[in-house]
Protein backbone atom coordinates (compact mmCIF):
# COMPACT_ATOMS: atom_id res chain seq x y z
CA UNK A 1 -5.48 10.15 27.35
CA UNK A 2 -6.48 10.68 23.72
CA UNK A 3 -4.04 9.44 21.08
CA UNK A 4 -4.28 10.56 17.48
CA UNK A 5 -2.55 9.67 14.22
CA UNK A 6 -3.25 10.99 10.72
CA UNK A 7 -2.42 8.94 7.63
CA UNK A 8 -2.52 10.88 4.36
CA UNK A 9 -2.42 9.07 1.02
CA UNK A 10 -2.09 9.88 -2.66
CA UNK A 11 -3.18 6.59 -4.19
CA UNK A 12 -0.81 6.58 -7.08
CA UNK A 13 -0.79 6.42 -10.77
CA UNK A 14 -4.18 7.34 -12.21
CA UNK A 15 -4.98 11.05 -12.02
CA UNK A 16 -5.45 14.02 -14.32
CA UNK A 17 -4.26 17.61 -13.95
CA UNK A 18 -7.01 20.18 -14.53
CA UNK A 19 -5.78 23.63 -15.49
CA UNK A 20 -7.52 26.71 -14.00
CA UNK A 21 -9.15 27.68 -17.30
CA UNK A 22 -10.77 24.24 -17.52
CA UNK A 23 -12.26 24.27 -14.06
CA UNK A 24 -15.37 26.21 -15.02
CA UNK A 25 -16.58 23.25 -17.06
CA UNK A 26 -15.92 20.80 -14.25
CA UNK A 27 -17.54 23.13 -11.76
CA UNK A 28 -20.77 23.29 -13.72
CA UNK A 29 -20.73 19.60 -14.47
CA UNK A 30 -20.00 18.33 -10.96
CA UNK A 31 -20.97 21.37 -8.86
CA UNK A 32 -17.83 20.86 -6.84
CA UNK A 33 -15.88 24.09 -6.87
CA UNK A 34 -15.52 27.48 -8.53
CA UNK A 35 -12.69 28.35 -10.87
CA UNK A 36 -9.47 29.19 -9.02
CA UNK A 37 -6.04 30.41 -10.01
CA UNK A 38 -4.52 27.04 -9.14
CA UNK A 39 -4.48 23.77 -11.03
CA UNK A 40 -6.00 20.75 -9.31
CA UNK A 41 -5.80 17.00 -9.73
CA UNK A 42 -8.78 14.81 -10.47
CA UNK A 43 -8.31 11.32 -9.05
CA UNK A 44 -9.34 8.80 -11.71
CA UNK A 45 -8.84 5.59 -9.73
CA UNK A 46 -11.91 3.39 -9.39
CA UNK A 47 -13.57 4.52 -6.16
CA UNK A 48 -15.13 1.13 -5.50
CA UNK A 49 -11.72 -0.49 -5.83
CA UNK A 50 -10.15 2.03 -3.43
CA UNK A 51 -12.89 1.40 -0.88
CA UNK A 52 -12.51 -2.36 -1.21
CA UNK A 53 -8.76 -2.10 -0.58
CA UNK A 54 -9.37 0.09 2.46
CA UNK A 55 -11.86 -2.51 3.68
CA UNK A 56 -9.31 -5.31 3.24
CA UNK A 57 -6.70 -3.33 5.18
CA UNK A 58 -9.03 -2.56 8.09
CA UNK A 59 -10.41 -6.09 8.15
CA UNK A 60 -6.86 -7.40 8.49
CA UNK A 61 -6.53 -5.10 11.53
CA UNK A 62 -9.90 -6.33 12.88
CA UNK A 63 -11.41 -2.82 12.80
CA UNK A 64 -14.67 -3.22 10.89
CA UNK A 65 -17.47 -1.68 12.95
CA UNK A 66 -18.90 0.96 10.60
CA UNK A 67 -21.17 3.64 12.10
CA UNK A 68 -21.61 6.06 9.20
CA UNK A 69 -20.88 6.48 5.50
CA UNK A 70 -21.82 9.57 3.52
CA UNK A 71 -21.70 10.41 -0.18
CA UNK A 72 -21.29 14.18 -0.49
CA UNK A 73 -24.01 15.67 1.73
CA UNK A 74 -26.16 12.52 1.94
CA UNK A 75 -25.87 9.63 4.37
CA UNK A 76 -25.47 6.41 2.46
CA UNK A 77 -25.43 4.39 5.69
CA UNK A 78 -26.12 5.23 9.33
CA UNK A 79 -25.85 2.42 11.86
CA UNK A 80 -28.89 3.16 14.00
CA UNK A 81 -29.36 -0.56 14.77
CA UNK A 82 -25.79 -0.99 16.15
CA UNK A 83 -24.93 -3.75 13.70
CA UNK A 84 -21.45 -5.15 14.41
CA UNK A 85 -18.63 -5.47 11.87
CA UNK A 86 -20.63 -4.22 8.90
CA UNK A 87 -17.88 -2.46 6.91
CA UNK A 88 -17.43 -5.05 4.15
CA UNK A 89 -21.15 -5.57 3.62
CA UNK A 90 -21.92 -1.85 3.39
CA UNK A 91 -19.07 -1.13 0.97
CA UNK A 92 -20.20 -3.98 -1.26
CA UNK A 93 -23.72 -2.54 -1.25
CA UNK A 94 -22.27 0.88 -2.11
CA UNK A 95 -20.41 -0.63 -5.06
CA UNK A 96 -23.58 -2.27 -6.35
CA UNK A 97 -25.73 0.85 -5.91
CA UNK A 98 -23.34 3.46 -7.23
CA UNK A 99 -21.68 1.50 -10.04
CA UNK A 100 -19.03 3.07 -12.27
CA UNK A 101 -20.96 5.99 -13.79
CA UNK A 102 -22.23 7.97 -10.85
CA UNK A 103 -19.18 7.37 -8.67
CA UNK A 104 -17.18 9.81 -10.80
CA UNK A 105 -19.50 12.62 -9.74
CA UNK A 106 -18.94 13.24 -6.06
CA UNK A 107 -17.11 15.74 -3.94
CA UNK A 108 -16.29 13.60 -0.94
CA UNK A 109 -16.98 10.21 0.58
CA UNK A 110 -16.74 10.11 4.37
CA UNK A 111 -16.56 7.00 6.55
CA UNK A 112 -16.59 6.69 10.34
CA UNK A 113 -15.78 3.52 12.27
CA UNK A 114 -15.83 2.88 16.00
CA UNK A 115 -14.29 -0.33 17.28
CA UNK A 116 -12.25 -1.84 20.11
CA UNK A 117 -8.85 -3.48 19.79
CA UNK A 118 -6.18 -4.43 22.32
CA UNK A 119 -7.83 -2.61 25.22
CA UNK A 120 -8.38 0.63 23.29
CA UNK A 121 -11.54 2.27 21.92
CA UNK A 122 -10.89 3.48 18.37
CA UNK A 123 -12.58 6.11 16.27
CA UNK A 124 -11.45 6.13 12.65
CA UNK A 125 -12.55 8.86 10.24
CA UNK A 126 -11.78 8.42 6.54
CA UNK A 127 -12.41 10.92 3.76
CA UNK A 128 -11.90 10.52 0.01
CA UNK A 129 -11.88 13.54 -2.30
CA UNK A 130 -12.20 13.36 -6.06
CA UNK A 131 -10.47 16.72 -6.65
CA UNK A 132 -7.47 18.02 -4.72
CA UNK A 133 -4.60 20.47 -4.94
CA UNK A 134 -1.17 18.99 -5.80
CA UNK A 135 0.16 19.72 -2.30
CA UNK A 136 -2.79 18.01 -0.56
CA UNK A 137 -3.95 14.40 -0.20
CA UNK A 138 -7.21 12.94 -1.56
CA UNK A 139 -7.38 10.14 1.04
CA UNK A 140 -7.15 11.06 4.71
CA UNK A 141 -7.35 8.83 7.79
CA UNK A 142 -7.71 10.21 11.31
CA UNK A 143 -7.22 7.49 13.91
CA UNK A 144 -8.04 8.33 17.53
CA UNK A 145 -8.13 6.10 20.59
CA UNK A 146 -8.68 6.11 24.33
CA UNK A 147 -8.21 3.24 26.82
CA UNK A 148 -11.30 1.17 27.56
CA UNK A 149 -10.56 1.61 31.29
CA UNK A 150 -7.99 3.07 33.67
CA UNK A 151 -6.66 -0.46 34.21
CA UNK A 152 -5.19 -0.66 30.69
CA UNK A 153 -1.41 -0.35 30.78
CA UNK A 154 1.06 0.85 28.14
CA UNK A 155 -1.68 2.65 26.26
CA UNK A 156 0.68 4.68 24.09
CA UNK A 157 2.52 1.54 22.95
CA UNK A 158 -0.79 -0.22 22.23
CA UNK A 159 -2.02 2.69 20.13
CA UNK A 160 1.29 3.01 18.26
CA UNK A 161 1.26 -0.69 17.39
CA UNK A 162 -2.31 -0.60 16.05
CA UNK A 163 -1.66 2.58 14.06
CA UNK A 164 1.45 0.96 12.57
CA UNK A 165 -0.58 -2.14 11.65
CA UNK A 166 -3.14 0.04 9.86
CA UNK A 167 -0.38 1.84 7.96
CA UNK A 168 1.28 -1.43 6.94
CA UNK A 169 -2.01 -2.95 5.82
CA UNK A 170 -2.87 0.11 3.74
CA UNK A 171 0.52 -0.10 2.06
CA UNK A 172 -0.06 -3.80 1.46
CA UNK A 173 -3.44 -3.48 -0.25
CA UNK A 174 -3.39 -0.02 -1.84
CA UNK A 175 -1.50 1.38 -4.80
CA UNK A 176 0.23 4.27 -3.06
CA UNK A 177 2.18 7.08 -4.67
CA UNK A 178 2.81 9.11 -1.51
CA UNK A 179 2.01 8.35 2.11
CA UNK A 180 2.49 10.67 5.08
CA UNK A 181 2.02 9.75 8.75
CA UNK A 182 1.56 12.46 11.35
CA UNK A 183 1.38 11.45 15.00
CA UNK A 184 0.00 14.42 16.90
CA UNK A 185 -0.40 14.92 20.65
CA UNK A 186 -1.86 18.14 22.01
CA UNK A 187 -1.98 19.51 18.50
CA UNK A 188 1.76 19.27 17.81
CA UNK A 189 3.37 17.09 15.17
CA UNK A 190 5.69 14.56 16.77
CA UNK A 191 6.53 12.49 13.71
CA UNK A 192 6.18 12.84 9.98
CA UNK A 193 7.12 10.27 7.36
CA UNK A 194 6.97 10.53 3.60
CA UNK A 195 7.13 7.35 1.54
CA UNK A 196 7.31 8.38 -2.09
CA UNK A 197 7.27 5.83 -4.86
CA UNK A 198 10.02 6.90 -7.28
CA UNK A 199 8.19 5.42 -10.28
CA UNK A 200 5.15 7.68 -9.76
CA UNK A 201 3.47 8.10 -13.13
CA UNK A 202 4.51 11.72 -13.61
CA UNK A 203 8.19 10.91 -13.12
CA UNK A 204 10.74 9.56 -15.57
CA UNK A 205 11.70 5.95 -15.01
CA UNK A 206 15.23 5.36 -13.77
CA UNK A 207 17.51 3.52 -16.14
CA UNK A 208 20.21 1.05 -15.16
CA UNK A 209 23.40 2.85 -14.20
CA UNK A 210 25.53 0.00 -15.54
CA UNK A 211 26.17 -0.51 -19.22
CA UNK A 212 26.04 -4.24 -18.57
CA UNK A 213 22.85 -5.44 -16.89
CA UNK A 214 24.62 -8.52 -15.54
CA UNK A 215 26.87 -6.21 -13.50
CA UNK A 216 23.91 -5.12 -11.34
CA UNK A 217 23.98 -6.62 -7.87
CA UNK A 218 20.90 -6.92 -5.68
CA UNK A 219 22.90 -7.73 -2.54
CA UNK A 220 24.26 -6.72 -0.15
CA UNK A 221 21.28 -4.45 0.44
CA UNK A 222 21.59 -2.11 3.43
CA UNK A 223 24.54 -4.32 4.51
CA UNK A 224 22.35 -7.45 4.41
CA UNK A 225 22.96 -10.47 2.18
CA UNK A 226 20.28 -13.16 2.14
CA UNK A 227 21.55 -16.51 3.34
CA UNK A 228 24.66 -14.90 4.85
CA UNK A 229 23.78 -12.14 7.33
CA UNK A 230 23.15 -13.62 10.78
CA UNK A 231 20.39 -12.76 13.26
CA UNK A 232 22.88 -11.04 15.56
CA UNK A 233 23.99 -8.86 12.64
CA UNK A 234 20.36 -8.09 11.77
CA UNK A 235 19.79 -6.97 15.36
CA UNK A 236 22.62 -4.47 15.02
CA UNK A 237 21.31 -3.13 11.72
CA UNK A 238 17.61 -2.72 12.53
CA UNK A 239 14.72 -3.34 14.89
CA UNK A 240 12.92 -6.60 15.57
CA UNK A 241 9.29 -7.03 14.53
CA UNK A 242 6.74 -6.01 17.16
CA UNK A 243 3.51 -7.03 15.41
CA UNK A 244 2.14 -10.35 16.62
CA UNK A 245 1.48 -13.43 14.49
CA UNK A 246 -2.03 -14.49 15.51
CA UNK A 247 -1.33 -18.18 14.83
CA UNK A 248 1.78 -18.34 17.06
CA UNK A 249 1.05 -15.43 19.41
CA UNK A 250 4.65 -14.33 18.90
CA UNK A 251 6.26 -11.49 16.91
CA UNK A 252 6.84 -12.15 13.23
CA UNK A 253 10.31 -13.34 12.19
CA UNK A 254 11.72 -10.25 10.56
CA UNK A 255 13.88 -7.22 11.26
CA UNK A 256 12.97 -3.75 9.99
CA UNK A 257 15.98 -2.13 8.30
CA UNK A 258 15.67 1.19 6.46
CA UNK A 259 11.98 0.65 5.77
CA UNK A 260 12.25 -2.98 4.60
CA UNK A 261 11.35 -6.21 6.38
CA UNK A 262 14.19 -8.74 6.24
CA UNK A 263 12.72 -12.12 7.21
CA UNK A 264 14.91 -14.78 8.81
CA UNK A 265 14.79 -18.56 9.27
CA UNK A 266 16.13 -18.56 12.81
CA UNK A 267 19.76 -18.39 11.72
CA UNK A 268 20.25 -16.00 8.82
CA UNK A 269 18.30 -13.52 6.71
CA UNK A 270 16.18 -15.66 4.40
CA UNK A 271 13.89 -13.60 2.20
CA UNK A 272 12.16 -10.33 1.34
CA UNK A 273 8.52 -9.88 0.38
CA UNK A 274 7.26 -6.68 -1.25
CA UNK A 275 3.99 -5.64 -2.84
CA UNK A 276 3.53 -2.91 -5.43
CA UNK A 277 2.79 -0.25 -2.79
CA UNK A 278 6.26 -0.77 -1.26
CA UNK A 279 9.04 1.44 -2.62
CA UNK A 280 11.83 -0.49 -4.31
CA UNK A 281 15.40 0.15 -3.07
CA UNK A 282 17.10 2.80 -5.15
CA UNK A 283 20.00 0.48 -5.96
CA UNK A 284 17.54 -1.98 -7.50
CA UNK A 285 15.83 0.78 -9.44
CA UNK A 286 19.20 1.85 -10.79
CA UNK A 287 19.42 -1.69 -12.18
CA UNK A 288 16.12 -1.19 -14.00
CA UNK A 289 13.73 -2.75 -11.47
CA UNK A 290 10.39 -0.98 -11.64
CA UNK A 291 6.91 -1.93 -10.44
CA UNK A 292 5.51 -0.62 -13.72
CA UNK A 293 7.41 -3.08 -15.93
CA UNK A 294 5.19 -5.43 -17.89
CA UNK A 295 5.26 -9.23 -17.69
CA UNK A 296 7.44 -9.46 -20.81
CA UNK A 297 9.70 -6.63 -19.60
CA UNK A 298 10.42 -8.52 -16.36
CA UNK A 299 11.47 -11.61 -18.34
CA UNK A 300 13.84 -9.56 -20.49
CA UNK A 301 15.32 -7.67 -17.53
CA UNK A 302 15.94 -10.75 -15.37
CA UNK A 303 17.48 -12.68 -18.25
CA UNK A 304 19.84 -9.76 -18.98
CA UNK A 305 20.91 -9.82 -15.34
CA UNK A 306 21.89 -13.48 -15.56
CA UNK A 307 18.77 -15.14 -14.13
CA UNK A 308 17.32 -18.35 -15.52
CA UNK A 309 13.61 -17.56 -15.89
CA UNK A 310 10.79 -20.10 -15.68
CA UNK A 311 7.02 -19.76 -15.95
CA UNK A 312 5.85 -20.99 -12.55
CA UNK A 313 2.25 -20.51 -13.69
CA UNK A 314 1.48 -19.74 -17.32
CA UNK A 315 -0.27 -16.40 -17.95
CA UNK A 316 -4.05 -16.48 -18.02
CA UNK A 317 -6.92 -14.12 -17.29
CA UNK A 318 -9.20 -14.39 -14.29
CA UNK A 319 -11.90 -12.17 -12.88
CA UNK A 320 -10.97 -9.88 -10.01
CA UNK A 321 -13.66 -7.59 -8.55
CA UNK A 322 -15.80 -8.16 -11.61
CA UNK A 323 -13.08 -7.36 -14.16
CA UNK A 324 -10.60 -9.48 -16.09
CA UNK A 325 -7.07 -9.46 -14.70
CA UNK A 326 -3.78 -11.04 -15.73
CA UNK A 327 -2.73 -13.91 -13.47
CA UNK A 328 0.78 -15.30 -13.82
CA UNK A 329 3.90 -16.19 -11.85
CA UNK A 330 7.53 -16.05 -12.88
CA UNK A 331 10.39 -17.76 -11.06
CA UNK A 332 13.95 -16.64 -11.78
CA UNK A 333 17.09 -18.26 -10.34
CA UNK A 334 20.68 -17.03 -10.14
CA UNK A 335 23.70 -18.84 -8.66
CA UNK A 336 25.47 -16.53 -6.21
CA UNK A 337 29.25 -16.43 -5.52
CA UNK A 338 28.65 -18.05 -2.10
CA UNK A 339 27.10 -21.10 -3.85
CA UNK A 340 23.64 -20.07 -2.72
CA UNK A 341 20.80 -19.77 -5.22
CA UNK A 342 18.98 -16.45 -5.31
CA UNK A 343 15.35 -16.88 -6.38
CA UNK A 344 13.02 -14.09 -7.48
CA UNK A 345 9.30 -14.88 -7.57
CA UNK A 346 7.08 -12.44 -9.47
CA UNK A 347 3.31 -12.62 -8.88
CA UNK A 348 1.10 -10.88 -11.43
CA UNK A 349 -2.40 -10.46 -9.98
CA UNK A 350 -5.25 -8.06 -9.16
CA UNK A 351 -4.28 -5.34 -11.67
CA UNK A 352 -7.50 -5.53 -13.73
CA UNK A 353 -5.22 -5.40 -16.78
CA UNK A 354 -4.65 -8.37 -19.11
CA UNK A 355 -1.80 -7.60 -21.54
CA UNK A 356 1.62 -9.26 -21.36
CA UNK A 357 3.14 -5.94 -22.48
CA UNK A 358 0.91 -3.79 -20.26
CA UNK A 359 2.53 -1.76 -17.48
CA UNK A 360 1.58 -2.16 -13.83
CA UNK A 361 0.43 -5.80 -13.71
CA UNK A 362 2.97 -6.99 -11.11
CA UNK A 363 1.50 -7.41 -7.61
CA UNK A 364 4.38 -8.75 -5.53
CA UNK A 365 8.04 -9.77 -5.43
CA UNK A 366 9.53 -12.45 -3.19
CA UNK A 367 13.33 -12.72 -3.11
CA UNK A 368 14.90 -15.60 -1.23
CA UNK A 369 18.21 -17.43 -0.87
CA UNK A 370 18.57 -21.19 -0.53
């Protein structure tokens, strides 16, 4: 039985709209397409950075056996020697060879991997397009798998779990504006999910709905209050984690509720962890929370909402992927009515931006009750 899933991604916040009358210039310059009656987007994100994030996601899923990589019509890499687990090394070589100038001038990068995981043989095809129509996706994954033998049981569940791991890892490492998953069997679509980030660059930021920022409440969220909601209540509200912690060989300690992972400490809901590719709850966005807020904006917002804000690690600049990046951590505490302390930890990393007033430097949020 052949199982197939397609993951389609718009990477987010750095693109340019090219009007039809401008396309003649781009066509001559890049030899990519002829002028059409439709506007197209040009993806401006750093291609090497996108490829590195894809590599991190697939490495986390232990799917790293690259067989081919092509740049437009030319093979950049063809694994004729059957070298194992060569994805990271080849992508690093691509980054060094192509650099930042030439990488802007390509029509498509195609990658093919073939690997084995959990009793299944996987074939993963990835394509990245520089130019795309608004209704299409510049990054496309096609994940196919067959059992390694007829003795493998629960093949559909095995495939679904691995595909879900790939999706989660991509969301963890990539800056995603829109992600669509299509699970197709026999050519028919059986599931389709859209995860749209409300603070996509072309949209207007939501403003707090309350005149008083301190009136905004983060919890209960989807009927869950950290430090209060019990495991039995979490079970009624969502589904238990199915992905396995490699160190314990047991499922992770969280429940999936309306697209969010609520972690628990064995008794009650304990914390949430989100990275910038995760959509924020709308109720939080209505209170002004936004992944694109700068370091200084987060301090102002949290203080307005009654938090006591501390610098866990003072801001500094460090090199990430060859470029300077802001590195800082904020810790904000708020005493809750139930005498629990709500703590928000903001980690500013990996943005390749350095300003304290620059948008989009926040990497992750951790919210916990103690």
